[in-house]
Amino acid sequence: MFRSCSRRNLFQMAGAAAASMLGSRITFPQQPKPDAATQNAMRGFIITHPDPFPALETRATVSLVRGENRRKMIYEALLAIDDQIKPKLKNKT
């Protein structure tokens, strides 16, 4: 008979089935390692940002909650950090 399952379980089962069917038949070709001259030539093509990444002034505020009901978990997570969020929201308006 049909057994109900979540979307996440469905994708996990499909991935496991595909992996078991493929088994060890997949092989990836090995790329030859470039020589020193090629590596030096490739270094000129790396583009970096001119400004350094700014340091964090404070750590991000997070709240972790476990449960089954998504709406209830979101509510509880926001309630846990409510005293830190409300002053910042008042400044945004």
PDB file of N, CA and C in Angstrom:
ATOM      1  N   MET A   1       0.826  -1.182   0.000  1.00  0.00           N
ATOM      2  CA  MET A   1       0.000   0.000   0.000  1.00  0.00           C
ATOM      3  C   MET A   1       0.871   1.245   0.000  1.00  0.00           C
ATOM      4  N   PHE A   2       0.256   2.394  -0.250  1.00  0.00           N
ATOM      5  CA  PHE A   2       0.988   3.648  -0.315  1.00  0.00           C
ATOM      6  C   PHE A   2       1.285   4.158   1.082  1.00  0.00           C
ATOM      7  N   ARG A   3       2.520   4.524   1.302  1.00  0.00           N
ATOM      8  CA  ARG A   3       2.942   5.066   2.593  1.00  0.00           C
ATOM      9  C   ARG A   3       3.272   6.534   2.388  1.00  0.00           C
ATOM     10  N   SER A   4       2.698   7.411   3.169  1.00  0.00           N
ATOM     11  CA  SER A   4       2.956   8.839   2.989  1.00  0.00           C
ATOM     12  C   SER A   4       4.350   9.176   3.505  1.00  0.00           C
ATOM     13  N   CYS A   5       4.992  10.110   2.809  1.00  0.00           N
ATOM     14  CA  CYS A   5       6.313  10.551   3.232  1.00  0.00           C
ATOM     15  C   CYS A   5       6.476  12.015   2.865  1.00  0.00           C
ATOM     16  N   SER A   6       7.439  12.657   3.510  1.00  0.00           N
ATOM     17  CA  SER A   6       7.665  14.072   3.248  1.00  0.00           C
ATOM     18  C   SER A   6       8.425  14.249   1.936  1.00  0.00           C
ATOM     19  N   ARG A   7       8.434  15.466   1.445  1.00  0.00           N
ATOM     20  CA  ARG A   7       9.141  15.781   0.211  1.00  0.00           C
ATOM     21  C   ARG A   7      10.640  15.533   0.379  1.00  0.00           C
ATOM     22  N   ARG A   8      11.176  15.861   1.570  1.00  0.00           N
ATOM     23  CA  ARG A   8      12.589  15.629   1.833  1.00  0.00           C
ATOM     24  C   ARG A   8      12.918  14.142   1.754  1.00  0.00           C
ATOM     25  N   ASN A   9      12.080  13.299   2.351  1.00  0.00           N
ATOM     26  CA  ASN A   9      12.319  11.854   2.291  1.00  0.00           C
ATOM     27  C   ASN A   9      12.218  11.334   0.864  1.00  0.00           C
ATOM     28  N   LEU A  10      11.299  11.900   0.086  1.00  0.00           N
ATOM     29  CA  LEU A  10      11.143  11.478  -1.297  1.00  0.00           C
ATOM     30  C   LEU A  10      12.434  11.743  -2.080  1.00  0.00           C
ATOM     31  N   PHE A  11      13.012  12.950  -1.907  1.00  0.00           N
ATOM     32  CA  PHE A  11      14.256  13.269  -2.606  1.00  0.00           C
ATOM     33  C   PHE A  11      15.417  12.419  -2.108  1.00  0.00           C
ATOM     34  N   GLN A  12      15.450  12.130  -0.817  1.00  0.00           N
ATOM     35  CA  GLN A  12      16.504  11.278  -0.287  1.00  0.00           C
ATOM     36  C   GLN A  12      16.419   9.877  -0.870  1.00  0.00           C
ATOM     37  N   MET A  13      15.208   9.349  -0.936  1.00  0.00           N
ATOM     38  CA  MET A  13      15.033   8.004  -1.500  1.00  0.00           C
ATOM     39  C   MET A  13      15.382   7.984  -2.981  1.00  0.00           C
ATOM     40  N   ALA A  14      14.978   9.039  -3.714  1.00  0.00           N
ATOM     41  CA  ALA A  14      15.289   9.093  -5.138  1.00  0.00           C
ATOM     42  C   ALA A  14      16.793   9.190  -5.360  1.00  0.00           C
ATOM     43  N   GLY A  15      17.472   9.984  -4.541  1.00  0.00           N
ATOM     44  CA  GLY A  15      18.923  10.100  -4.654  1.00  0.00           C
ATOM     45  C   GLY A  15      19.621   8.795  -4.325  1.00  0.00           C
ATOM     46  N   ALA A  16      19.144   8.112  -3.296  1.00  0.00           N
ATOM     47  CA  ALA A  16      19.738   6.828  -2.924  1.00  0.00           C
ATOM     48  C   ALA A  16      19.513   5.795  -4.023  1.00  0.00           C
ATOM     49  N   ALA A  17      18.332   5.803  -4.623  1.00  0.00           N
ATOM     50  CA  ALA A  17      18.044   4.857  -5.702  1.00  0.00           C
ATOM     51  C   ALA A  17      18.932   5.130  -6.912  1.00  0.00           C
ATOM     52  N   ALA A  18      19.089   6.403  -7.259  1.00  0.00           N
ATOM     53  CA  ALA A  18      19.935   6.748  -8.406  1.00  0.00           C
ATOM     54  C   ALA A  18      21.386   6.370  -8.140  1.00  0.00           C
ATOM     55  N   ALA A  19      21.841   6.619  -6.918  1.00  0.00           N
ATOM     56  CA  ALA A  19      23.226   6.280  -6.585  1.00  0.00           C
ATOM     57  C   ALA A  19      23.446   4.778  -6.607  1.00  0.00           C
ATOM     58  N   SER A  20      22.452   4.016  -6.146  1.00  0.00           N
ATOM     59  CA  SER A  20      22.625   2.564  -6.138  1.00  0.00           C
ATOM     60  C   SER A  20      22.602   1.992  -7.557  1.00  0.00           C
ATOM     61  N   MET A  21      21.816   2.615  -8.456  1.00  0.00           N
ATOM     62  CA  MET A  21      21.780   2.133  -9.834  1.00  0.00           C
ATOM     63  C   MET A  21      23.076   2.442 -10.559  1.00  0.00           C
ATOM     64  N   LEU A  22      23.669   3.604 -10.269  1.00  0.00           N
ATOM     65  CA  LEU A  22      24.898   3.981 -10.945  1.00  0.00           C
ATOM     66  C   LEU A  22      26.088   3.204 -10.402  1.00  0.00           C
ATOM     67  N   GLY A  23      26.091   2.996  -9.094  1.00  0.00           N
ATOM     68  CA  GLY A  23      27.161   2.230  -8.473  1.00  0.00           C
ATOM     69  C   GLY A  23      28.522   2.797  -8.782  1.00  0.00           C
ATOM     70  N   SER A  24      29.419   1.955  -9.177  1.00  0.00           N
ATOM     71  CA  SER A  24      30.789   2.390  -9.437  1.00  0.00           C
ATOM     72  C   SER A  24      31.044   2.609 -10.924  1.00  0.00           C
ATOM     73  N   ARG A  25      29.984   2.753 -11.713  1.00  0.00           N
ATOM     74  CA  ARG A  25      30.163   2.940 -13.152  1.00  0.00           C
ATOM     75  C   ARG A  25      30.625   4.346 -13.508  1.00  0.00           C
ATOM     76  N   ILE A  26      30.471   5.304 -12.577  1.00  0.00           N
ATOM     77  CA  ILE A  26      30.859   6.675 -12.883  1.00  0.00           C
ATOM     78  C   ILE A  26      32.346   6.836 -12.613  1.00  0.00           C
ATOM     79  N   THR A  27      33.051   7.325 -13.610  1.00  0.00           N
ATOM     80  CA  THR A  27      34.463   7.653 -13.434  1.00  0.00           C
ATOM     81  C   THR A  27      34.690   9.054 -13.976  1.00  0.00           C
ATOM     82  N   PHE A  28      35.488   9.807 -13.271  1.00  0.00           N
ATOM     83  CA  PHE A  28      35.785  11.160 -13.684  1.00  0.00           C
ATOM     84  C   PHE A  28      37.218  11.211 -14.203  1.00  0.00           C
ATOM     85  N   PRO A  29      37.431  11.814 -15.370  1.00  0.00           N
ATOM     86  CA  PRO A  29      38.799  11.881 -15.905  1.00  0.00           C
ATOM     87  C   PRO A  29      39.672  12.760 -15.014  1.00  0.00           C
ATOM     88  N   GLN A  30      40.902  12.351 -14.830  1.00  0.00           N
ATOM     89  CA  GLN A  30      41.845  13.119 -14.030  1.00  0.00           C
ATOM     90  C   GLN A  30      42.459  14.219 -14.882  1.00  0.00           C
ATOM     91  N   GLN A  31      42.400  15.441 -14.360  1.00  0.00           N
ATOM     92  CA  GLN A  31      42.990  16.572 -15.049  1.00  0.00           C
ATOM     93  C   GLN A  31      44.482  16.598 -14.752  1.00  0.00           C
ATOM     94  N   PRO A  32      45.320  16.788 -15.754  1.00  0.00           N
ATOM     95  CA  PRO A  32      46.759  16.888 -15.469  1.00  0.00           C
ATOM     96  C   PRO A  32      47.046  18.181 -14.709  1.00  0.00           C
ATOM     97  N   LYS A  33      47.961  18.118 -13.750  1.00  0.00           N
ATOM     98  CA  LYS A  33      48.329  19.290 -12.973  1.00  0.00           C
ATOM     99  C   LYS A  33      49.176  20.215 -13.856  1.00  0.00           C
ATOM    100  N   PRO A  34      48.817  21.516 -13.909  1.00  0.00           N
ATOM    101  CA  PRO A  34      49.587  22.427 -14.757  1.00  0.00           C
ATOM    102  C   PRO A  34      51.004  22.612 -14.215  1.00  0.00           C
ATOM    103  N   ASP A  35      51.929  22.857 -15.124  1.00  0.00           N
ATOM    104  CA  ASP A  35      53.314  23.060 -14.716  1.00  0.00           C
ATOM    105  C   ASP A  35      53.472  24.452 -14.089  1.00  0.00           C
ATOM    106  N   ALA A  36      54.637  24.745 -13.567  1.00  0.00           N
ATOM    107  CA  ALA A  36      54.882  26.000 -12.844  1.00  0.00           C
ATOM    108  C   ALA A  36      54.668  27.215 -13.741  1.00  0.00           C
ATOM    109  N   ALA A  37      55.086  27.146 -15.006  1.00  0.00           N
ATOM    110  CA  ALA A  37      54.920  28.289 -15.918  1.00  0.00           C
ATOM    111  C   ALA A  37      53.438  28.580 -16.151  1.00  0.00           C
ATOM    112  N   THR A  38      52.637  27.538 -16.313  1.00  0.00           N
ATOM    113  CA  THR A  38      51.199  27.721 -16.522  1.00  0.00           C
ATOM    114  C   THR A  38      50.547  28.290 -15.266  1.00  0.00           C
ATOM    115  N   GLN A  39      50.957  27.797 -14.090  1.00  0.00           N
ATOM    116  CA  GLN A  39      50.398  28.314 -12.847  1.00  0.00           C
ATOM    117  C   GLN A  39      50.724  29.798 -12.681  1.00  0.00           C
ATOM    118  N   ASN A  40      51.957  30.193 -13.002  1.00  0.00           N
ATOM    119  CA  ASN A  40      52.326  31.608 -12.914  1.00  0.00           C
ATOM    120  C   ASN A  40      51.537  32.454 -13.896  1.00  0.00           C
ATOM    121  N   ALA A  41      51.280  31.935 -15.090  1.00  0.00           N
ATOM    122  CA  ALA A  41      50.504  32.677 -16.083  1.00  0.00           C
ATOM    123  C   ALA A  41      49.052  32.823 -15.641  1.00  0.00           C
ATOM    124  N   MET A  42      48.527  31.798 -14.974  1.00  0.00           N
ATOM    125  CA  MET A  42      47.135  31.832 -14.523  1.00  0.00           C
ATOM    126  C   MET A  42      46.940  32.802 -13.365  1.00  0.00           C
ATOM    127  N   ARG A  43      47.961  33.092 -12.597  1.00  0.00           N
ATOM    128  CA  ARG A  43      47.833  33.991 -11.453  1.00  0.00           C
ATOM    129  C   ARG A  43      47.398  35.391 -11.873  1.00  0.00           C
ATOM    130  N   GLY A  44      47.753  35.815 -13.060  1.00  0.00           N
ATOM    131  CA  GLY A  44      47.377  37.141 -13.522  1.00  0.00           C
ATOM    132  C   GLY A  44      45.892  37.261 -13.806  1.00  0.00           C
ATOM    133  N   PHE A  45      45.184  36.148 -13.934  1.00  0.00           N
ATOM    134  CA  PHE A  45      43.760  36.175 -14.250  1.00  0.00           C
ATOM    135  C   PHE A  45      42.876  36.151 -13.018  1.00  0.00           C
ATOM    136  N   ILE A  46      43.455  36.037 -11.831  1.00  0.00           N
ATOM    137  CA  ILE A  46      42.655  36.027 -10.604  1.00  0.00           C
ATOM    138  C   ILE A  46      42.304  37.464 -10.250  1.00  0.00           C
ATOM    139  N   ILE A  47      41.019  37.732 -10.168  1.00  0.00           N
ATOM    140  CA  ILE A  47      40.552  39.079  -9.871  1.00  0.00           C
ATOM    141  C   ILE A  47      40.139  39.127  -8.407  1.00  0.00           C
ATOM    142  N   THR A  48      40.704  40.061  -7.667  1.00  0.00           N
ATOM    143  CA  THR A  48      40.340  40.224  -6.265  1.00  0.00           C
ATOM    144  C   THR A  48      39.735  41.601  -6.070  1.00  0.00           C
ATOM    145  N   HIS A  49      38.957  41.738  -5.035  1.00  0.00           N
ATOM    146  CA  HIS A  49      38.328  43.013  -4.725  1.00  0.00           C
ATOM    147  C   HIS A  49      39.373  43.936  -4.121  1.00  0.00           C
ATOM    148  N   PRO A  50      39.436  45.205  -4.551  1.00  0.00           N
ATOM    149  CA  PRO A  50      40.482  46.098  -4.051  1.00  0.00           C
ATOM    150  C   PRO A  50      40.328  46.451  -2.568  1.00  0.00           C
ATOM    151  N   ASP A  51      39.087  46.487  -2.058  1.00  0.00           N
ATOM    152  CA  ASP A  51      38.863  46.830  -0.655  1.00  0.00           C
ATOM    153  C   ASP A  51      38.831  45.559   0.183  1.00  0.00           C
ATOM    154  N   PRO A  52      39.456  45.575   1.353  1.00  0.00           N
ATOM    155  CA  PRO A  52      39.389  44.389   2.206  1.00  0.00           C
ATOM    156  C   PRO A  52      37.983  44.221   2.774  1.00  0.00           C
ATOM    157  N   PHE A  53      37.661  43.016   3.142  1.00  0.00           N
ATOM    158  CA  PHE A  53      36.345  42.734   3.714  1.00  0.00           C
ATOM    159  C   PHE A  53      36.265  43.391   5.084  1.00  0.00           C
ATOM    160  N   PRO A  54      35.216  44.174   5.348  1.00  0.00           N
ATOM    161  CA  PRO A  54      35.152  44.881   6.638  1.00  0.00           C
ATOM    162  C   PRO A  54      34.957  43.909   7.799  1.00  0.00           C
ATOM    163  N   ALA A  55      35.574  44.236   8.917  1.00  0.00           N
ATOM    164  CA  ALA A  55      35.432  43.404  10.117  1.00  0.00           C
ATOM    165  C   ALA A  55      34.039  43.600  10.713  1.00  0.00           C
ATOM    166  N   LEU A  56      33.541  42.575  11.371  1.00  0.00           N
ATOM    167  CA  LEU A  56      32.233  42.656  12.002  1.00  0.00           C
ATOM    168  C   LEU A  56      32.323  43.479  13.281  1.00  0.00           C
ATOM    169  N   GLU A  57      31.393  44.398  13.454  1.00  0.00           N
ATOM    170  CA  GLU A  57      31.362  45.190  14.682  1.00  0.00           C
ATOM    171  C   GLU A  57      30.762  44.372  15.818  1.00  0.00           C
ATOM    172  N   THR A  58      29.706  43.644  15.512  1.00  0.00           N
ATOM    173  CA  THR A  58      29.054  42.800  16.520  1.00  0.00           C
ATOM    174  C   THR A  58      28.702  41.472  15.874  1.00  0.00           C
ATOM    175  N   ARG A  59      28.423  40.531  16.679  1.00  0.00           N
ATOM    176  CA  ARG A  59      27.995  39.228  16.180  1.00  0.00           C
ATOM    177  C   ARG A  59      26.514  39.284  15.816  1.00  0.00           C
ATOM    178  N   ALA A  60      26.102  38.441  14.884  1.00  0.00           N
ATOM    179  CA  ALA A  60      24.704  38.379  14.469  1.00  0.00           C
ATOM    180  C   ALA A  60      23.873  37.725  15.571  1.00  0.00           C
ATOM    181  N   THR A  61      22.668  38.191  15.740  1.00  0.00           N
ATOM    182  CA  THR A  61      21.757  37.625  16.722  1.00  0.00           C
ATOM    183  C   THR A  61      20.959  36.513  16.060  1.00  0.00           C
ATOM    184  N   VAL A  62      20.998  35.339  16.659  1.00  0.00           N
ATOM    185  CA  VAL A  62      20.253  34.204  16.134  1.00  0.00           C
ATOM    186  C   VAL A  62      19.525  33.506  17.269  1.00  0.00           C
ATOM    187  N   SER A  63      18.530  32.729  16.907  1.00  0.00           N
ATOM    188  CA  SER A  63      17.793  31.934  17.868  1.00  0.00           C
ATOM    189  C   SER A  63      17.485  30.587  17.222  1.00  0.00           C
ATOM    190  N   LEU A  64      17.757  29.514  17.944  1.00  0.00           N
ATOM    191  CA  LEU A  64      17.506  28.175  17.427  1.00  0.00           C
ATOM    192  C   LEU A  64      16.366  27.536  18.201  1.00  0.00           C
ATOM    193  N   VAL A  65      15.426  26.964  17.467  1.00  0.00           N
ATOM    194  CA  VAL A  65      14.249  26.340  18.069  1.00  0.00           C
ATOM    195  C   VAL A  65      13.998  25.022  17.361  1.00  0.00           C
ATOM    196  N   ARG A  66      13.598  24.011  18.110  1.00  0.00           N
ATOM    197  CA  ARG A  66      13.239  22.720  17.526  1.00  0.00           C
ATOM    198  C   ARG A  66      11.736  22.519  17.641  1.00  0.00           C
ATOM    199  N   GLY A  67      11.177  21.823  16.679  1.00  0.00           N
ATOM    200  CA  GLY A  67       9.756  21.547  16.732  1.00  0.00           C
ATOM    201  C   GLY A  67       9.252  20.943  15.437  1.00  0.00           C
ATOM    202  N   GLU A  68       7.965  20.785  15.362  1.00  0.00           N
ATOM    203  CA  GLU A  68       7.318  20.189  14.198  1.00  0.00           C
ATOM    204  C   GLU A  68       6.556  21.219  13.362  1.00  0.00           C
ATOM    205  N   ASN A  69       6.005  22.243  14.008  1.00  0.00           N
ATOM    206  CA  ASN A  69       5.180  23.239  13.324  1.00  0.00           C
ATOM    207  C   ASN A  69       6.043  24.445  12.953  1.00  0.00           C
ATOM    208  N   ARG A  70       6.189  24.704  11.665  1.00  0.00           N
ATOM    209  CA  ARG A  70       7.075  25.782  11.210  1.00  0.00           C
ATOM    210  C   ARG A  70       6.659  27.141  11.738  1.00  0.00           C
ATOM    211  N   ARG A  71       5.392  27.454  11.666  1.00  0.00           N
ATOM    212  CA  ARG A  71       4.925  28.763  12.120  1.00  0.00           C
ATOM    213  C   ARG A  71       5.192  28.960  13.610  1.00  0.00           C
ATOM    214  N   LYS A  72       4.941  27.926  14.376  1.00  0.00           N
ATOM    215  CA  LYS A  72       5.170  28.009  15.816  1.00  0.00           C
ATOM    216  C   LYS A  72       6.664  28.162  16.117  1.00  0.00           C
ATOM    217  N   MET A  73       7.512  27.459  15.362  1.00  0.00           N
ATOM    218  CA  MET A  73       8.953  27.556  15.579  1.00  0.00           C
ATOM    219  C   MET A  73       9.461  28.956  15.240  1.00  0.00           C
ATOM    220  N   ILE A  74       8.966  29.544  14.155  1.00  0.00           N
ATOM    221  CA  ILE A  74       9.372  30.904  13.787  1.00  0.00           C
ATOM    222  C   ILE A  74       8.939  31.888  14.853  1.00  0.00           C
ATOM    223  N   TYR A  75       7.712  31.729  15.325  1.00  0.00           N
ATOM    224  CA  TYR A  75       7.199  32.612  16.377  1.00  0.00           C
ATOM    225  C   TYR A  75       8.063  32.511  17.629  1.00  0.00           C
ATOM    226  N   GLU A  76       8.387  31.288  18.052  1.00  0.00           N
ATOM    227  CA  GLU A  76       9.195  31.087  19.253  1.00  0.00           C
ATOM    228  C   GLU A  76      10.617  31.617  19.080  1.00  0.00           C
ATOM    229  N   ALA A  77      11.189  31.466  17.884  1.00  0.00           N
ATOM    230  CA  ALA A  77      12.540  31.971  17.634  1.00  0.00           C
ATOM    231  C   ALA A  77      12.567  33.494  17.688  1.00  0.00           C
ATOM    232  N   LEU A  78      11.579  34.143  17.092  1.00  0.00           N
ATOM    233  CA  LEU A  78      11.518  35.606  17.131  1.00  0.00           C
ATOM    234  C   LEU A  78      11.204  36.112  18.530  1.00  0.00           C
ATOM    235  N   LEU A  79      10.384  35.379  19.251  1.00  0.00           N
ATOM    236  CA  LEU A  79      10.052  35.763  20.626  1.00  0.00           C
ATOM    237  C   LEU A  79      11.287  35.701  21.520  1.00  0.00           C
ATOM    238  N   ALA A  80      12.181  34.751  21.260  1.00  0.00           N
ATOM    239  CA  ALA A  80      13.382  34.593  22.073  1.00  0.00           C
ATOM    240  C   ALA A  80      14.342  35.776  21.917  1.00  0.00           C
ATOM    241  N   ILE A  81      14.353  36.421  20.759  1.00  0.00           N
ATOM    242  CA  ILE A  81      15.255  37.557  20.529  1.00  0.00           C
ATOM    243  C   ILE A  81      14.483  38.861  20.328  1.00  0.00           C
ATOM    244  N   ASP A  82      13.247  38.886  20.806  1.00  0.00           N
ATOM    245  CA  ASP A  82      12.365  40.033  20.637  1.00  0.00           C
ATOM    246  C   ASP A  82      12.961  41.299  21.249  1.00  0.00           C
ATOM    247  N   ASP A  83      13.570  41.183  22.434  1.00  0.00           N
ATOM    248  CA  ASP A  83      14.116  42.358  23.104  1.00  0.00           C
ATOM    249  C   ASP A  83      15.274  42.984  22.337  1.00  0.00           C
ATOM    250  N   GLN A  84      15.930  42.235  21.478  1.00  0.00           N
ATOM    251  CA  GLN A  84      17.036  42.769  20.689  1.00  0.00           C
ATOM    252  C   GLN A  84      16.580  43.255  19.320  1.00  0.00           C
ATOM    253  N   ILE A  85      15.470  42.718  18.818  1.00  0.00           N
ATOM    254  CA  ILE A  85      14.997  43.075  17.477  1.00  0.00           C
ATOM    255  C   ILE A  85      14.132  44.334  17.483  1.00  0.00           C
ATOM    256  N   LYS A  86      13.249  44.471  18.475  1.00  0.00           N
ATOM    257  CA  LYS A  86      12.303  45.599  18.485  1.00  0.00           C
ATOM    258  C   LYS A  86      12.988  46.969  18.427  1.00  0.00           C
ATOM    259  N   PRO A  87      14.036  47.226  19.214  1.00  0.00           N
ATOM    260  CA  PRO A  87      14.676  48.557  19.099  1.00  0.00           C
ATOM    261  C   PRO A  87      15.238  48.827  17.708  1.00  0.00           C
ATOM    262  N   LYS A  88      15.754  47.823  17.055  1.00  0.00           N
ATOM    263  CA  LYS A  88      16.310  48.021  15.719  1.00  0.00           C
ATOM    264  C   LYS A  88      15.205  48.249  14.698  1.00  0.00           C
ATOM    265  N   LEU A  89      14.052  47.601  14.884  1.00  0.00           N
ATOM    266  CA  LEU A  89      12.935  47.805  13.961  1.00  0.00           C
ATOM    267  C   LEU A  89      12.339  49.195  14.120  1.00  0.00           C
ATOM    268  N   LYS A  90      12.357  49.738  15.332  1.00  0.00           N
ATOM    269  CA  LYS A  90      11.829  51.077  15.545  1.00  0.00           C
ATOM    270  C   LYS A  90      12.666  52.123  14.815  1.00  0.00           C
ATOM    271  N   ASN A  91      13.960  51.886  14.718  1.00  0.00           N
ATOM    272  CA  ASN A  91      14.845  52.824  14.010  1.00  0.00           C
ATOM    273  C   ASN A  91      14.679  52.742  12.502  1.00  0.00           C
ATOM    274  N   LYS A  92      14.151  51.654  11.989  1.00  0.00           N
ATOM    275  CA  LYS A  92      14.030  51.448  10.537  1.00  0.00           C
ATOM    276  C   LYS A  92      12.852  52.212   9.937  1.00  0.00           C
ATOM    277  N   THR A  93      11.853  52.578  10.725  1.00  0.00           N
ATOM    278  CA  THR A  93      10.658  53.216  10.165  1.00  0.00           C
ATOM    279  C   THR A  93      10.849  54.657   9.846  1.00  0.00           C
TER     280      THR A  93
END
